[in-house]
């Protein structure tokens, strides 16, 4: 049996029965019958694609199981330490869409082959967010977000999937109204959002952890910004910043733009790039 957390790839054993390996094959058609010369079908093509990918040759990848296919299967069986029959039956291999990570082994070495052998997942690590529906417009497929990991490091993630709004409580009406209603019935409605970090190495060893995901509501480029604490509220209304000019300072009025990450967008007469402003301690 593999251990929890192991990754199984094409051709590698998912488990062993009576010392014989049961390997993983990639595909969508399970082994539901015995494949042997004279048999045709999509399951035959799936097997031949896998044999070719594993380095076996001497046959044509098509839907027909020929004597050439059987010869390649015998070579494959020999490498697996199995009896060389030239035939492949149900239970001789496990079929999945791609590489798999073992979530939990259901059996231990020495157990009888009954029940669930193991549970597994895909190998891609994803980040799942239940986003309140009122913020659903912040998540756009292909959009980037900042993710803070438990050790306070940050990584950039891309939104790969946005699901259908769901509610954990009483919807208070028809399902279609959950997204529009602002009453208590829809307060628990969320939208499942899936994100993926392009460089998985930046996730370190984390396999399951709580993280913080920051979605950007707006973005500004080529603007001037100062710390929010640099703002001075004018007695008659409006804001100013204390500009340092040589050994003196003076207050200059500013118009405010977008706020974010402790900074605020500012503009106004005498406010240029490189302007030094005072920030109270």
Protein backbone atom coordinates (compact mmCIF):
# COMPACT_ATOMS: atom_id res chain seq x y z
CA UNK A 1 0.00 0.00 0.00
CA UNK A 2 1.13 3.56 -0.62
CA UNK A 3 1.37 6.04 2.25
CA UNK A 4 -0.88 9.03 2.80
CA UNK A 5 0.40 11.93 0.71
CA UNK A 6 2.18 9.77 -1.89
CA UNK A 7 1.76 10.72 -5.55
CA UNK A 8 1.05 7.93 -8.04
CA UNK A 9 1.85 8.55 -11.71
CA UNK A 10 1.26 6.58 -14.90
CA UNK A 11 2.59 3.04 -14.75
CA UNK A 12 3.43 3.18 -11.05
CA UNK A 13 1.73 0.78 -8.59
CA UNK A 14 -1.44 2.02 -6.93
CA UNK A 15 -1.16 -1.05 -4.66
CA UNK A 16 0.02 -4.66 -4.81
CA UNK A 17 -2.10 -7.79 -4.51
CA UNK A 18 -0.30 -11.08 -3.79
CA UNK A 19 2.98 -9.29 -4.61
CA UNK A 20 1.69 -8.28 -8.05
CA UNK A 21 1.55 -4.59 -8.92
CA UNK A 22 -1.72 -2.97 -9.93
CA UNK A 23 -0.51 0.09 -11.90
CA UNK A 24 -2.17 3.41 -12.72
CA UNK A 25 -3.23 4.13 -16.29
CA UNK A 26 -4.42 7.50 -17.58
CA UNK A 27 -7.80 7.65 -19.26
CA UNK A 28 -11.55 7.95 -18.85
CA UNK A 29 -12.61 4.39 -19.69
CA UNK A 30 -12.17 1.86 -16.85
CA UNK A 31 -11.14 -1.73 -17.44
CA UNK A 32 -14.52 -3.44 -17.44
CA UNK A 33 -13.75 -6.52 -19.57
CA UNK A 34 -10.83 -8.70 -20.59
CA UNK A 35 -8.80 -7.14 -23.41
CA UNK A 36 -7.28 -9.70 -25.77
CA UNK A 37 -6.63 -10.19 -29.50
CA UNK A 38 -9.79 -9.64 -31.54
CA UNK A 39 -11.32 -7.12 -29.12
CA UNK A 40 -11.99 -3.55 -30.27
CA UNK A 41 -13.14 -0.38 -28.52
CA UNK A 42 -12.17 2.84 -26.77
CA UNK A 43 -10.79 0.89 -23.81
CA UNK A 44 -8.32 -0.79 -26.15
CA UNK A 45 -7.17 2.58 -27.46
CA UNK A 46 -6.80 3.84 -23.89
CA UNK A 47 -4.56 0.89 -23.02
CA UNK A 48 -2.44 1.28 -26.16
CA UNK A 49 -1.97 5.01 -25.51
CA UNK A 50 -0.66 4.20 -22.06
CA UNK A 51 1.66 1.47 -23.33
CA UNK A 52 3.09 3.89 -25.89
CA UNK A 53 3.55 6.59 -23.22
CA UNK A 54 5.37 4.05 -21.03
CA UNK A 55 7.85 3.32 -23.82
CA UNK A 56 6.46 0.11 -25.35
CA UNK A 57 6.21 -0.14 -29.13
CA UNK A 58 5.71 -2.54 -32.03
CA UNK A 59 1.97 -1.87 -32.33
CA UNK A 60 -0.38 0.76 -33.74
CA UNK A 61 -2.34 2.95 -31.34
CA UNK A 62 -5.93 2.40 -32.46
CA UNK A 63 -9.09 0.69 -31.24
CA UNK A 64 -8.02 -2.84 -32.25
CA UNK A 65 -6.31 -5.29 -29.90
CA UNK A 66 -3.94 -7.25 -32.16
CA UNK A 67 -1.21 -9.81 -31.61
CA UNK A 68 1.24 -6.90 -31.67
CA UNK A 69 -0.66 -5.30 -28.80
CA UNK A 70 -0.55 -8.60 -26.92
CA UNK A 71 3.22 -8.79 -27.40
CA UNK A 72 3.64 -5.31 -25.93
CA UNK A 73 1.34 -6.25 -23.04
CA UNK A 74 3.46 -9.33 -22.30
CA UNK A 75 6.57 -7.15 -22.12
CA UNK A 76 4.74 -4.75 -19.81
CA UNK A 77 3.54 -7.63 -17.62
CA UNK A 78 7.08 -8.99 -17.40
CA UNK A 79 8.33 -5.60 -16.18
CA UNK A 80 5.54 -5.56 -13.59
CA UNK A 81 6.48 -9.03 -12.40
CA UNK A 82 3.13 -10.42 -13.49
CA UNK A 83 2.32 -13.58 -15.42
CA UNK A 84 2.80 -12.90 -19.12
CA UNK A 85 -0.66 -13.64 -20.52
CA UNK A 86 -0.88 -10.95 -23.17
CA UNK A 87 -4.34 -10.13 -21.84
CA UNK A 88 -5.52 -7.35 -19.52
CA UNK A 89 -8.60 -7.84 -17.37
CA UNK A 90 -10.61 -5.84 -14.83
CA UNK A 91 -8.55 -5.32 -11.70
CA UNK A 92 -5.21 -5.57 -13.53
CA UNK A 93 -4.85 -1.77 -13.50
CA UNK A 94 -6.60 1.31 -12.13
CA UNK A 95 -7.68 4.05 -14.55
CA UNK A 96 -7.78 7.76 -13.62
CA UNK A 97 -7.66 11.02 -15.57
CA UNK A 98 -4.11 11.77 -14.46
CA UNK A 99 -1.62 11.55 -11.61
CA UNK A 100 -3.20 11.13 -8.19
CA UNK A 101 -2.22 12.04 -4.63
CA UNK A 102 -3.19 9.53 -1.95
CA UNK A 103 -5.40 11.24 0.62
CA UNK A 104 -5.86 8.23 2.88
CA UNK A 105 -5.01 4.54 2.61
CA UNK A 106 -8.08 2.50 3.52
CA UNK A 107 -6.26 -0.81 3.93
CA UNK A 108 -3.01 -1.90 5.53
CA UNK A 109 -0.45 -4.40 4.33
CA UNK A 110 -1.82 -7.89 4.92
CA UNK A 111 -5.51 -6.92 4.74
CA UNK A 112 -7.93 -8.68 2.43
CA UNK A 113 -8.80 -6.81 -0.74
CA UNK A 114 -12.30 -5.73 0.30
CA UNK A 115 -14.00 -2.37 0.57
CA UNK A 116 -12.31 0.90 -0.26
CA UNK A 117 -8.59 0.44 -0.87
CA UNK A 118 -7.76 4.14 -0.67
CA UNK A 119 -9.08 7.62 -1.36
CA UNK A 120 -7.19 10.07 -3.52
CA UNK A 121 -7.28 13.51 -5.11
CA UNK A 122 -5.65 15.27 -8.02
CA UNK A 123 -2.08 16.48 -7.60
CA UNK A 124 -2.79 20.18 -8.11
CA UNK A 125 -3.08 22.12 -4.87
CA UNK A 126 -5.96 24.59 -5.03
CA UNK A 127 -7.34 27.29 -2.77
CA UNK A 128 -11.08 27.29 -2.11
CA UNK A 129 -12.98 30.36 -0.97
CA UNK A 130 -16.64 30.69 -0.02
CA UNK A 131 -17.05 34.30 -1.13
CA UNK A 132 -20.11 36.17 0.21
CA UNK A 133 -22.42 36.93 -2.72
CA UNK A 134 -22.20 40.68 -2.16
CA UNK A 135 -18.54 40.46 -3.15
CA UNK A 136 -19.05 38.02 -6.02
CA UNK A 137 -18.19 40.67 -8.63
CA UNK A 138 -14.66 40.86 -7.21
CA UNK A 139 -13.83 37.36 -8.46
CA UNK A 140 -13.32 37.07 -12.20
CA UNK A 141 -12.01 33.98 -13.96
CA UNK A 142 -8.36 34.54 -14.79
CA UNK A 143 -8.12 37.37 -12.26
CA UNK A 144 -5.25 37.49 -9.80
CA UNK A 145 -5.47 37.64 -6.02
CA UNK A 146 -3.01 37.89 -3.17
CA UNK A 147 -2.91 34.92 -0.79
CA UNK A 148 -1.36 35.13 2.66
CA UNK A 149 -0.11 31.79 3.98
CA UNK A 150 -0.01 30.75 7.67
CA UNK A 151 3.65 31.86 7.90
CA UNK A 152 2.61 35.36 6.66
CA UNK A 153 4.33 34.96 3.29
CA UNK A 154 2.26 36.01 0.28
CA UNK A 155 1.80 34.38 -3.10
CA UNK A 156 -0.18 35.32 -6.19
CA UNK A 157 -3.08 33.07 -7.17
CA UNK A 158 -5.27 33.00 -10.27
CA UNK A 159 -9.04 32.40 -10.18
CA UNK A 160 -9.62 29.15 -12.10
CA UNK A 161 -13.27 28.45 -11.35
CA UNK A 162 -16.35 30.24 -10.04
CA UNK A 163 -19.26 28.10 -8.91
CA UNK A 164 -22.98 28.62 -8.34
CA UNK A 165 -24.15 30.67 -5.33
CA UNK A 166 -25.30 28.52 -2.42
CA UNK A 167 -26.74 29.27 0.99
CA UNK A 168 -26.13 27.47 4.28
CA UNK A 169 -29.33 28.81 5.77
CA UNK A 170 -32.93 29.53 4.85
CA UNK A 171 -32.97 31.27 1.49
CA UNK A 172 -36.14 33.16 2.37
CA UNK A 173 -37.45 32.72 -1.17
CA UNK A 174 -36.76 31.20 -4.53
CA UNK A 175 -33.19 30.20 -5.33
CA UNK A 176 -32.92 32.85 -8.03
CA UNK A 177 -33.64 35.58 -5.47
CA UNK A 178 -30.75 34.63 -3.18
CA UNK A 179 -28.25 36.67 -5.15
CA UNK A 180 -30.43 39.80 -5.17
CA UNK A 181 -32.03 39.82 -1.76
CA UNK A 182 -30.34 41.76 1.01
CA UNK A 183 -32.52 40.29 3.74
CA UNK A 184 -31.42 37.94 6.46
CA UNK A 185 -32.41 34.96 4.34
CA UNK A 186 -29.51 35.55 1.94
CA UNK A 187 -26.94 36.72 4.46
CA UNK A 188 -25.22 33.33 4.40
CA UNK A 189 -25.24 32.94 0.62
CA UNK A 190 -21.77 32.38 -0.81
CA UNK A 191 -20.12 31.76 -4.15
CA UNK A 192 -17.50 28.97 -4.28
CA UNK A 193 -14.32 30.30 -5.89
CA UNK A 194 -11.29 28.17 -6.73
CA UNK A 195 -7.82 29.62 -7.17
CA UNK A 196 -4.50 28.11 -8.15
CA UNK A 197 -0.97 29.30 -7.44
CA UNK A 198 0.97 29.11 -10.69
CA UNK A 199 4.26 28.35 -8.95
CA UNK A 200 3.20 25.57 -6.55
CA UNK A 201 6.68 25.53 -4.98
CA UNK A 202 5.82 28.83 -3.30
CA UNK A 203 3.19 26.97 -1.27
CA UNK A 204 5.95 25.08 0.50
CA UNK A 205 4.89 21.94 2.31
CA UNK A 206 1.32 23.10 2.99
CA UNK A 207 -1.22 20.49 1.90
CA UNK A 208 -4.18 21.70 3.96
CA UNK A 209 -4.20 25.04 5.75
CA UNK A 210 -6.30 28.13 6.35
CA UNK A 211 -5.17 31.09 4.27
CA UNK A 212 -6.26 34.68 3.68
CA UNK A 213 -7.28 35.66 0.14
CA UNK A 214 -7.39 39.30 -0.92
CA UNK A 215 -9.44 40.27 -3.97
CA UNK A 216 -8.83 43.65 -5.58
CA UNK A 217 -11.97 45.78 -5.93
CA UNK A 218 -10.25 48.36 -8.15
CA UNK A 219 -6.81 49.18 -9.46
CA UNK A 220 -5.06 52.44 -10.26
CA UNK A 221 -1.86 52.86 -12.24
CA UNK A 222 0.45 55.84 -12.71
CA UNK A 223 -0.96 57.74 -9.73
CA UNK A 224 0.57 59.49 -6.73
CA UNK A 225 -0.09 58.03 -3.29
CA UNK A 226 0.78 58.89 0.31
CA UNK A 227 0.24 57.06 3.62
CA UNK A 228 -3.30 57.62 4.92
CA UNK A 229 -1.80 58.98 8.15
CA UNK A 230 -0.26 61.85 6.12
CA UNK A 231 -3.72 63.35 5.51
CA UNK A 232 -4.65 66.51 7.42
CA UNK A 233 -8.37 67.27 7.76
CA UNK A 234 -9.10 70.94 7.01
CA UNK A 235 -11.43 72.63 9.56
CA UNK A 236 -13.77 73.75 6.77
CA UNK A 237 -13.73 70.42 5.00
CA UNK A 238 -11.37 68.68 2.63
CA UNK A 239 -7.87 67.37 3.14
CA UNK A 240 -4.30 68.55 2.84
CA UNK A 241 -0.82 67.14 3.24
CA UNK A 242 2.13 68.77 4.98
CA UNK A 243 4.74 69.26 2.27
CA UNK A 244 8.38 69.62 3.23
CA UNK A 245 10.14 72.43 1.31
CA UNK A 246 13.73 72.76 2.39
CA UNK A 247 13.76 73.61 6.10
CA UNK A 248 10.10 74.60 6.14
CA UNK A 249 6.74 72.90 5.67
CA UNK A 250 3.43 74.06 4.26
CA UNK A 251 -0.01 72.53 3.84
CA UNK A 252 -1.26 71.87 0.32
CA UNK A 253 -4.79 70.84 -0.50
CA UNK A 254 -5.27 67.46 -2.13
CA UNK A 255 -8.07 65.57 -3.79
CA UNK A 256 -8.41 61.99 -2.69
CA UNK A 257 -8.76 58.97 -4.92
CA UNK A 258 -8.70 55.28 -4.11
CA UNK A 259 -7.66 53.86 -0.74
CA UNK A 260 -5.76 50.58 -0.38
CA UNK A 261 -3.07 48.88 1.69
CA UNK A 262 -2.66 51.88 4.00
CA UNK A 263 -2.14 54.30 1.10
CA UNK A 264 -4.41 56.85 -0.57
CA UNK A 265 -4.32 58.31 -4.06
CA UNK A 266 -3.81 62.10 -4.05
CA UNK A 267 -3.66 64.89 -6.60
CA UNK A 268 -3.56 68.67 -6.49
CA UNK A 269 -1.55 71.81 -7.19
CA UNK A 270 2.07 71.38 -6.20
CA UNK A 271 1.67 67.63 -5.66
CA UNK A 272 4.21 65.90 -7.89
CA UNK A 273 6.29 62.75 -7.93
CA UNK A 274 9.02 62.94 -5.32
CA UNK A 275 7.18 65.41 -3.10
CA UNK A 276 8.14 64.85 0.54
CA UNK A 277 5.21 64.88 2.99
CA UNK A 278 5.16 64.80 6.77
CA UNK A 279 3.74 61.78 8.54
CA UNK A 280 2.89 62.11 12.27
CA UNK A 281 4.61 59.69 14.62
